[in-house]
Amino acid sequence: MINNYPKFFTAAFCASGGANECNQANLLHTPVYSTIGTAEGDKKMKSFRETVESINKNGGEAKLDVLEGLNHSQACEKAFTAERLEWVFSH
């Protein structure tokens, strides 16, 4: 959604999603908070880290929390904490 509507949302939360097919420039307009579980795989983890680093390096705002030992389903379930949602809604 933030890729297709880069200036529509004030912030976004991504629970174990991905940005492989996103235009990186579109992600610079919306602060993004992402989570990923370590059991989701090294390739996905690397992609998440690179995306967050790229957004921050190019003037955007992105955060990433790595959830130790969690697979995709578990990471999605545990992602939505009061602290993370407060960050999104504070924007």
PDB file of N, CA and C in Angstrom:
ATOM      1  N   MET A   1       0.818  -1.197   0.000  1.00  0.00           N
ATOM      2  CA  MET A   1       0.000   0.000   0.000  1.00  0.00           C
ATOM      3  C   MET A   1       0.865   1.264   0.000  1.00  0.00           C
ATOM      4  N   ILE A   2       1.934   1.280   0.821  1.00  0.00           N
ATOM      5  CA  ILE A   2       2.746   2.501   0.842  1.00  0.00           C
ATOM      6  C   ILE A   2       3.563   2.650  -0.435  1.00  0.00           C
ATOM      7  N   ASN A   3       3.826   1.559  -1.107  1.00  0.00           N
ATOM      8  CA  ASN A   3       4.500   1.632  -2.403  1.00  0.00           C
ATOM      9  C   ASN A   3       3.581   2.265  -3.449  1.00  0.00           C
ATOM     10  N   ASN A   4       2.330   1.862  -3.452  1.00  0.00           N
ATOM     11  CA  ASN A   4       1.376   2.358  -4.446  1.00  0.00           C
ATOM     12  C   ASN A   4       0.819   3.740  -4.122  1.00  0.00           C
ATOM     13  N   TYR A   5       0.813   4.097  -2.846  1.00  0.00           N
ATOM     14  CA  TYR A   5       0.290   5.400  -2.394  1.00  0.00           C
ATOM     15  C   TYR A   5       1.309   6.034  -1.446  1.00  0.00           C
ATOM     16  N   PRO A   6       2.462   6.439  -1.960  1.00  0.00           N
ATOM     17  CA  PRO A   6       3.580   6.848  -1.113  1.00  0.00           C
ATOM     18  C   PRO A   6       3.360   8.074  -0.237  1.00  0.00           C
ATOM     19  N   LYS A   7       2.435   8.917  -0.535  1.00  0.00           N
ATOM     20  CA  LYS A   7       2.221  10.106   0.295  1.00  0.00           C
ATOM     21  C   LYS A   7       0.853  10.095   0.983  1.00  0.00           C
ATOM     22  N   PHE A   8       0.185   8.951   0.979  1.00  0.00           N
ATOM     23  CA  PHE A   8      -1.160   8.857   1.527  1.00  0.00           C
ATOM     24  C   PHE A   8      -1.165   8.601   3.035  1.00  0.00           C
ATOM     25  N   PHE A   9      -0.286   7.718   3.518  1.00  0.00           N
ATOM     26  CA  PHE A   9      -0.265   7.318   4.926  1.00  0.00           C
ATOM     27  C   PHE A   9       0.758   8.135   5.708  1.00  0.00           C
ATOM     28  N   THR A  10       0.460   8.407   6.973  1.00  0.00           N
ATOM     29  CA  THR A  10       1.413   9.141   7.804  1.00  0.00           C
ATOM     30  C   THR A  10       2.472   8.222   8.401  1.00  0.00           C
ATOM     31  N   ALA A  11       2.187   6.931   8.505  1.00  0.00           N
ATOM     32  CA  ALA A  11       3.141   5.932   8.986  1.00  0.00           C
ATOM     33  C   ALA A  11       2.575   4.550   8.674  1.00  0.00           C
ATOM     34  N   ALA A  12       3.447   3.545   8.733  1.00  0.00           N
ATOM     35  CA  ALA A  12       3.011   2.178   8.437  1.00  0.00           C
ATOM     36  C   ALA A  12       3.721   1.196   9.349  1.00  0.00           C
ATOM     37  N   PHE A  13       3.067   0.061   9.581  1.00  0.00           N
ATOM     38  CA  PHE A  13       3.659  -1.028  10.345  1.00  0.00           C
ATOM     39  C   PHE A  13       3.631  -2.276   9.481  1.00  0.00           C
ATOM     40  N   CYS A  14       4.755  -2.946   9.400  1.00  0.00           N
ATOM     41  CA  CYS A  14       4.885  -4.135   8.561  1.00  0.00           C
ATOM     42  C   CYS A  14       5.304  -5.310   9.433  1.00  0.00           C
ATOM     43  N   ALA A  15       4.397  -6.250   9.649  1.00  0.00           N
ATOM     44  CA  ALA A  15       4.684  -7.439  10.450  1.00  0.00           C
ATOM     45  C   ALA A  15       5.076  -8.573   9.511  1.00  0.00           C
ATOM     46  N   SER A  16       6.372  -8.836   9.411  1.00  0.00           N
ATOM     47  CA  SER A  16       6.902  -9.934   8.606  1.00  0.00           C
ATOM     48  C   SER A  16       6.481  -9.871   7.144  1.00  0.00           C
ATOM     49  N   GLY A  17       6.370  -8.699   6.632  1.00  0.00           N
ATOM     50  CA  GLY A  17       6.056  -8.524   5.220  1.00  0.00           C
ATOM     51  C   GLY A  17       7.335  -8.421   4.418  1.00  0.00           C
ATOM     52  N   GLY A  18       7.254  -7.863   3.268  1.00  0.00           N
ATOM     53  CA  GLY A  18       8.448  -7.718   2.451  1.00  0.00           C
ATOM     54  C   GLY A  18       8.335  -6.535   1.524  1.00  0.00           C
ATOM     55  N   ALA A  19       9.475  -6.083   1.058  1.00  0.00           N
ATOM     56  CA  ALA A  19       9.506  -4.927   0.155  1.00  0.00           C
ATOM     57  C   ALA A  19      10.244  -5.252  -1.126  1.00  0.00           C
ATOM     58  N   ASN A  20      10.343  -6.537  -1.459  1.00  0.00           N
ATOM     59  CA  ASN A  20      11.113  -6.956  -2.631  1.00  0.00           C
ATOM     60  C   ASN A  20      10.651  -6.311  -3.925  1.00  0.00           C
ATOM     61  N   GLU A  21       9.365  -6.135  -4.092  1.00  0.00           N
ATOM     62  CA  GLU A  21       8.841  -5.603  -5.345  1.00  0.00           C
ATOM     63  C   GLU A  21       8.482  -4.126  -5.241  1.00  0.00           C
ATOM     64  N   CYS A  22       8.928  -3.465  -4.175  1.00  0.00           N
ATOM     65  CA  CYS A  22       8.624  -2.051  -3.980  1.00  0.00           C
ATOM     66  C   CYS A  22       9.668  -1.165  -4.637  1.00  0.00           C
ATOM     67  N   ASN A  23       9.230  -0.004  -5.053  1.00  0.00           N
ATOM     68  CA  ASN A  23      10.129   1.035  -5.519  1.00  0.00           C
ATOM     69  C   ASN A  23      10.673   1.711  -4.259  1.00  0.00           C
ATOM     70  N   GLN A  24      11.970   1.563  -4.001  1.00  0.00           N
ATOM     71  CA  GLN A  24      12.569   2.092  -2.780  1.00  0.00           C
ATOM     72  C   GLN A  24      12.284   3.581  -2.587  1.00  0.00           C
ATOM     73  N   ALA A  25      12.254   4.351  -3.662  1.00  0.00           N
ATOM     74  CA  ALA A  25      11.987   5.790  -3.554  1.00  0.00           C
ATOM     75  C   ALA A  25      10.607   6.054  -2.969  1.00  0.00           C
ATOM     76  N   ASN A  26       9.635   5.200  -3.258  1.00  0.00           N
ATOM     77  CA  ASN A  26       8.289   5.378  -2.719  1.00  0.00           C
ATOM     78  C   ASN A  26       8.234   5.151  -1.213  1.00  0.00           C
ATOM     79  N   LEU A  27       9.160   4.363  -0.690  1.00  0.00           N
ATOM     80  CA  LEU A  27       9.162   4.049   0.735  1.00  0.00           C
ATOM     81  C   LEU A  27       9.750   5.168   1.581  1.00  0.00           C
ATOM     82  N   LEU A  28      10.348   6.152   0.949  1.00  0.00           N
ATOM     83  CA  LEU A  28      10.968   7.255   1.683  1.00  0.00           C
ATOM     84  C   LEU A  28       9.952   8.246   2.234  1.00  0.00           C
ATOM     85  N   HIS A  29       8.739   8.226   1.730  1.00  0.00           N
ATOM     86  CA  HIS A  29       7.728   9.212   2.108  1.00  0.00           C
ATOM     87  C   HIS A  29       6.927   8.829   3.339  1.00  0.00           C
ATOM     88  N   THR A  30       7.023   7.589   3.783  1.00  0.00           N
ATOM     89  CA  THR A  30       6.213   7.106   4.887  1.00  0.00           C
ATOM     90  C   THR A  30       7.098   6.441   5.935  1.00  0.00           C
ATOM     91  N   PRO A  31       7.091   6.922   7.185  1.00  0.00           N
ATOM     92  CA  PRO A  31       7.828   6.224   8.234  1.00  0.00           C
ATOM     93  C   PRO A  31       7.299   4.795   8.371  1.00  0.00           C
ATOM     94  N   VAL A  32       8.218   3.842   8.483  1.00  0.00           N
ATOM     95  CA  VAL A  32       7.856   2.431   8.520  1.00  0.00           C
ATOM     96  C   VAL A  32       8.501   1.749   9.723  1.00  0.00           C
ATOM     97  N   TYR A  33       7.717   0.964  10.426  1.00  0.00           N
ATOM     98  CA  TYR A  33       8.212   0.137  11.527  1.00  0.00           C
ATOM     99  C   TYR A  33       7.965  -1.308  11.101  1.00  0.00           C
ATOM    100  N   SER A  34       9.019  -2.118  11.068  1.00  0.00           N
ATOM    101  CA  SER A  34       8.907  -3.507  10.626  1.00  0.00           C
ATOM    102  C   SER A  34       9.382  -4.462  11.701  1.00  0.00           C
ATOM    103  N   THR A  35       8.852  -5.669  11.651  1.00  0.00           N
ATOM    104  CA  THR A  35       9.320  -6.752  12.515  1.00  0.00           C
ATOM    105  C   THR A  35       9.541  -7.989  11.653  1.00  0.00           C
ATOM    106  N   ILE A  36      10.418  -8.849  12.138  1.00  0.00           N
ATOM    107  CA  ILE A  36      10.665 -10.132  11.475  1.00  0.00           C
ATOM    108  C   ILE A  36      11.168 -11.116  12.523  1.00  0.00           C
ATOM    109  N   GLY A  37      10.791 -12.373  12.376  1.00  0.00           N
ATOM    110  CA  GLY A  37      11.264 -13.422  13.277  1.00  0.00           C
ATOM    111  C   GLY A  37      12.548 -14.043  12.745  1.00  0.00           C
ATOM    112  N   THR A  38      13.449 -14.405  13.641  1.00  0.00           N
ATOM    113  CA  THR A  38      14.718 -14.986  13.205  1.00  0.00           C
ATOM    114  C   THR A  38      14.537 -16.329  12.516  1.00  0.00           C
ATOM    115  N   ALA A  39      13.449 -17.039  12.811  1.00  0.00           N
ATOM    116  CA  ALA A  39      13.210 -18.335  12.179  1.00  0.00           C
ATOM    117  C   ALA A  39      12.555 -18.205  10.802  1.00  0.00           C
ATOM    118  N   GLU A  40      12.421 -17.002  10.291  1.00  0.00           N
ATOM    119  CA  GLU A  40      11.862 -16.793   8.953  1.00  0.00           C
ATOM    120  C   GLU A  40      12.912 -16.962   7.866  1.00  0.00           C
ATOM    121  N   GLY A  41      14.153 -17.068   8.260  1.00  0.00           N
ATOM    122  CA  GLY A  41      15.210 -17.340   7.292  1.00  0.00           C
ATOM    123  C   GLY A  41      16.163 -16.183   7.089  1.00  0.00           C
ATOM    124  N   ASP A  42      17.406 -16.537   6.808  1.00  0.00           N
ATOM    125  CA  ASP A  42      18.466 -15.541   6.630  1.00  0.00           C
ATOM    126  C   ASP A  42      18.232 -14.640   5.423  1.00  0.00           C
ATOM    127  N   LYS A  43      17.709 -15.202   4.338  1.00  0.00           N
ATOM    128  CA  LYS A  43      17.488 -14.415   3.122  1.00  0.00           C
ATOM    129  C   LYS A  43      16.461 -13.308   3.376  1.00  0.00           C
ATOM    130  N   LYS A  44      15.361 -13.662   4.015  1.00  0.00           N
ATOM    131  CA  LYS A  44      14.320 -12.682   4.322  1.00  0.00           C
ATOM    132  C   LYS A  44      14.843 -11.650   5.329  1.00  0.00           C
ATOM    133  N   MET A  45      15.594 -12.108   6.323  1.00  0.00           N
ATOM    134  CA  MET A  45      16.166 -11.208   7.329  1.00  0.00           C
ATOM    135  C   MET A  45      17.102 -10.202   6.659  1.00  0.00           C
ATOM    136  N   LYS A  46      17.946 -10.684   5.754  1.00  0.00           N
ATOM    137  CA  LYS A  46      18.883  -9.810   5.054  1.00  0.00           C
ATOM    138  C   LYS A  46      18.124  -8.770   4.238  1.00  0.00           C
ATOM    139  N   SER A  47      17.075  -9.190   3.554  1.00  0.00           N
ATOM    140  CA  SER A  47      16.267  -8.279   2.745  1.00  0.00           C
ATOM    141  C   SER A  47      15.638  -7.192   3.615  1.00  0.00           C
ATOM    142  N   PHE A  48      15.105  -7.574   4.752  1.00  0.00           N
ATOM    143  CA  PHE A  48      14.508  -6.614   5.674  1.00  0.00           C
ATOM    144  C   PHE A  48      15.543  -5.600   6.143  1.00  0.00           C
ATOM    145  N   ARG A  49      16.692  -6.089   6.581  1.00  0.00           N
ATOM    146  CA  ARG A  49      17.748  -5.194   7.075  1.00  0.00           C
ATOM    147  C   ARG A  49      18.200  -4.223   5.981  1.00  0.00           C
ATOM    148  N   GLU A  50      18.399  -4.736   4.782  1.00  0.00           N
ATOM    149  CA  GLU A  50      18.846  -3.887   3.674  1.00  0.00           C
ATOM    150  C   GLU A  50      17.809  -2.821   3.331  1.00  0.00           C
ATOM    151  N   THR A  51      16.539  -3.175   3.362  1.00  0.00           N
ATOM    152  CA  THR A  51      15.480  -2.212   3.063  1.00  0.00           C
ATOM    153  C   THR A  51      15.446  -1.112   4.111  1.00  0.00           C
ATOM    154  N   VAL A  52      15.495  -1.480   5.374  1.00  0.00           N
ATOM    155  CA  VAL A  52      15.485  -0.500   6.458  1.00  0.00           C
ATOM    156  C   VAL A  52      16.707   0.406   6.372  1.00  0.00           C
ATOM    157  N   GLU A  53      17.865  -0.177   6.149  1.00  0.00           N
ATOM    158  CA  GLU A  53      19.093   0.615   6.021  1.00  0.00           C
ATOM    159  C   GLU A  53      19.006   1.578   4.839  1.00  0.00           C
ATOM    160  N   SER A  54      18.479   1.111   3.723  1.00  0.00           N
ATOM    161  CA  SER A  54      18.347   1.952   2.533  1.00  0.00           C
ATOM    162  C   SER A  54      17.396   3.117   2.777  1.00  0.00           C
ATOM    163  N   ILE A  55      16.276   2.856   3.407  1.00  0.00           N
ATOM    164  CA  ILE A  55      15.309   3.922   3.703  1.00  0.00           C
ATOM    165  C   ILE A  55      15.969   4.984   4.573  1.00  0.00           C
ATOM    166  N   ASN A  56      16.630   4.555   5.648  1.00  0.00           N
ATOM    167  CA  ASN A  56      17.266   5.505   6.558  1.00  0.00           C
ATOM    168  C   ASN A  56      18.417   6.261   5.895  1.00  0.00           C
ATOM    169  N   LYS A  57      19.190   5.572   5.102  1.00  0.00           N
ATOM    170  CA  LYS A  57      20.336   6.178   4.413  1.00  0.00           C
ATOM    171  C   LYS A  57      19.888   7.252   3.421  1.00  0.00           C
ATOM    172  N   ASN A  58      18.714   7.060   2.842  1.00  0.00           N
ATOM    173  CA  ASN A  58      18.239   7.969   1.794  1.00  0.00           C
ATOM    174  C   ASN A  58      17.227   9.001   2.285  1.00  0.00           C
ATOM    175  N   GLY A  59      17.200   9.230   3.586  1.00  0.00           N
ATOM    176  CA  GLY A  59      16.385  10.305   4.128  1.00  0.00           C
ATOM    177  C   GLY A  59      15.017   9.928   4.652  1.00  0.00           C
ATOM    178  N   GLY A  60      14.681   8.646   4.602  1.00  0.00           N
ATOM    179  CA  GLY A  60      13.410   8.200   5.149  1.00  0.00           C
ATOM    180  C   GLY A  60      13.556   7.822   6.608  1.00  0.00           C
ATOM    181  N   GLU A  61      12.511   7.277   7.173  1.00  0.00           N
ATOM    182  CA  GLU A  61      12.525   6.845   8.565  1.00  0.00           C
ATOM    183  C   GLU A  61      12.014   5.412   8.630  1.00  0.00           C
ATOM    184  N   ALA A  62      12.854   4.513   9.139  1.00  0.00           N
ATOM    185  CA  ALA A  62      12.463   3.111   9.261  1.00  0.00           C
ATOM    186  C   ALA A  62      13.077   2.495  10.507  1.00  0.00           C
ATOM    187  N   LYS A  63      12.319   1.599  11.114  1.00  0.00           N
ATOM    188  CA  LYS A  63      12.774   0.853  12.287  1.00  0.00           C
ATOM    189  C   LYS A  63      12.557  -0.629  12.008  1.00  0.00           C
ATOM    190  N   LEU A  64      13.389  -1.452  12.633  1.00  0.00           N
ATOM    191  CA  LEU A  64      13.253  -2.903  12.500  1.00  0.00           C
ATOM    192  C   LEU A  64      13.493  -3.550  13.849  1.00  0.00           C
ATOM    193  N   ASP A  65      12.569  -4.388  14.276  1.00  0.00           N
ATOM    194  CA  ASP A  65      12.746  -5.221  15.458  1.00  0.00           C
ATOM    195  C   ASP A  65      12.831  -6.671  14.999  1.00  0.00           C
ATOM    196  N   VAL A  66      13.881  -7.348  15.439  1.00  0.00           N
ATOM    197  CA  VAL A  66      14.069  -8.760  15.137  1.00  0.00           C
ATOM    198  C   VAL A  66      13.552  -9.552  16.336  1.00  0.00           C
ATOM    199  N   LEU A  67      12.614 -10.449  16.076  1.00  0.00           N
ATOM    200  CA  LEU A  67      11.971 -11.228  17.126  1.00  0.00           C
ATOM    201  C   LEU A  67      12.633 -12.603  17.206  1.00  0.00           C
ATOM    202  N   GLU A  68      13.425 -12.782  18.223  1.00  0.00           N
ATOM    203  CA  GLU A  68      14.281 -13.960  18.379  1.00  0.00           C
ATOM    204  C   GLU A  68      13.488 -15.262  18.459  1.00  0.00           C
ATOM    205  N   GLY A  69      13.850 -16.211  17.576  1.00  0.00           N
ATOM    206  CA  GLY A  69      13.317 -17.566  17.603  1.00  0.00           C
ATOM    207  C   GLY A  69      11.923 -17.743  17.034  1.00  0.00           C
ATOM    208  N   LEU A  70      11.321 -16.689  16.504  1.00  0.00           N
ATOM    209  CA  LEU A  70       9.946 -16.795  16.023  1.00  0.00           C
ATOM    210  C   LEU A  70       9.886 -17.046  14.522  1.00  0.00           C
ATOM    211  N   ASN A  71       8.962 -17.931  14.116  1.00  0.00           N
ATOM    212  CA  ASN A  71       8.721 -18.148  12.696  1.00  0.00           C
ATOM    213  C   ASN A  71       7.729 -17.097  12.205  1.00  0.00           C
ATOM    214  N   HIS A  72       7.311 -17.204  10.946  1.00  0.00           N
ATOM    215  CA  HIS A  72       6.451 -16.181  10.352  1.00  0.00           C
ATOM    216  C   HIS A  72       5.136 -16.002  11.126  1.00  0.00           C
ATOM    217  N   SER A  73       4.439 -17.072  11.377  1.00  0.00           N
ATOM    218  CA  SER A  73       3.148 -16.981  12.073  1.00  0.00           C
ATOM    219  C   SER A  73       3.304 -16.409  13.474  1.00  0.00           C
ATOM    220  N   GLN A  74       4.311 -16.887  14.194  1.00  0.00           N
ATOM    221  CA  GLN A  74       4.555 -16.408  15.550  1.00  0.00           C
ATOM    222  C   GLN A  74       4.951 -14.934  15.553  1.00  0.00           C
ATOM    223  N   ALA A  75       5.795 -14.549  14.594  1.00  0.00           N
ATOM    224  CA  ALA A  75       6.252 -13.163  14.515  1.00  0.00           C
ATOM    225  C   ALA A  75       5.092 -12.223  14.202  1.00  0.00           C
ATOM    226  N   CYS A  76       4.203 -12.652  13.329  1.00  0.00           N
ATOM    227  CA  CYS A  76       3.030 -11.820  13.013  1.00  0.00           C
ATOM    228  C   CYS A  76       2.150 -11.656  14.257  1.00  0.00           C
ATOM    229  N   GLU A  77       1.972 -12.738  14.992  1.00  0.00           N
ATOM    230  CA  GLU A  77       1.133 -12.717  16.189  1.00  0.00           C
ATOM    231  C   GLU A  77       1.717 -11.817  17.283  1.00  0.00           C
ATOM    232  N   LYS A  78       3.029 -11.845  17.440  1.00  0.00           N
ATOM    233  CA  LYS A  78       3.693 -11.093  18.510  1.00  0.00           C
ATOM    234  C   LYS A  78       4.079  -9.666  18.105  1.00  0.00           C
ATOM    235  N   ALA A  79       3.914  -9.319  16.855  1.00  0.00           N
ATOM    236  CA  ALA A  79       4.387  -8.032  16.339  1.00  0.00           C
ATOM    237  C   ALA A  79       3.634  -6.836  16.900  1.00  0.00           C
ATOM    238  N   PHE A  80       2.345  -6.969  17.062  1.00  0.00           N
ATOM    239  CA  PHE A  80       1.508  -5.822  17.395  1.00  0.00           C
ATOM    240  C   PHE A  80       1.482  -5.560  18.896  1.00  0.00           C
ATOM    241  N   THR A  81       2.498  -4.837  19.367  1.00  0.00           N
ATOM    242  CA  THR A  81       2.573  -4.457  20.773  1.00  0.00           C
ATOM    243  C   THR A  81       2.093  -3.020  20.931  1.00  0.00           C
ATOM    244  N   ALA A  82       1.776  -2.654  22.154  1.00  0.00           N
ATOM    245  CA  ALA A  82       1.340  -1.286  22.428  1.00  0.00           C
ATOM    246  C   ALA A  82       2.432  -0.290  22.042  1.00  0.00           C
ATOM    247  N   GLU A  83       3.685  -0.619  22.307  1.00  0.00           N
ATOM    248  CA  GLU A  83       4.794   0.283  21.983  1.00  0.00           C
ATOM    249  C   GLU A  83       4.909   0.527  20.483  1.00  0.00           C
ATOM    250  N   ARG A  84       4.815  -0.533  19.692  1.00  0.00           N
ATOM    251  CA  ARG A  84       4.939  -0.386  18.246  1.00  0.00           C
ATOM    252  C   ARG A  84       3.750   0.368  17.657  1.00  0.00           C
ATOM    253  N   LEU A  85       2.564   0.052  18.114  1.00  0.00           N
ATOM    254  CA  LEU A  85       1.389   0.759  17.617  1.00  0.00           C
ATOM    255  C   LEU A  85       1.422   2.224  18.037  1.00  0.00           C
ATOM    256  N   GLU A  86       1.925   2.506  19.226  1.00  0.00           N
ATOM    257  CA  GLU A  86       2.055   3.894  19.671  1.00  0.00           C
ATOM    258  C   GLU A  86       2.998   4.659  18.749  1.00  0.00           C
ATOM    259  N   TRP A  87       4.091   4.014  18.321  1.00  0.00           N
ATOM    260  CA  TRP A  87       5.024   4.655  17.401  1.00  0.00           C
ATOM    261  C   TRP A  87       4.306   5.024  16.094  1.00  0.00           C
ATOM    262  N   VAL A  88       3.545   4.094  15.556  1.00  0.00           N
ATOM    263  CA  VAL A  88       2.830   4.352  14.291  1.00  0.00           C
ATOM    264  C   VAL A  88       1.844   5.494  14.473  1.00  0.00           C
ATOM    265  N   PHE A  89       1.026   5.420  15.508  1.00  0.00           N
ATOM    266  CA  PHE A  89      -0.017   6.422  15.692  1.00  0.00           C
ATOM    267  C   PHE A  89       0.531   7.775  16.147  1.00  0.00           C
ATOM    268  N   SER A  90       1.777   7.818  16.610  1.00  0.00           N
ATOM    269  CA  SER A  90       2.383   9.097  17.007  1.00  0.00           C
ATOM    270  C   SER A  90       2.727   9.963  15.800  1.00  0.00           C
ATOM    271  N   HIS A  91       2.709   9.358  14.623  1.00  0.00           N
ATOM    272  CA  HIS A  91       3.006  10.106  13.411  1.00  0.00           C
ATOM    273  C   HIS A  91       1.751  10.735  12.847  1.00  0.00           C
TER     274      HIS A  91
END
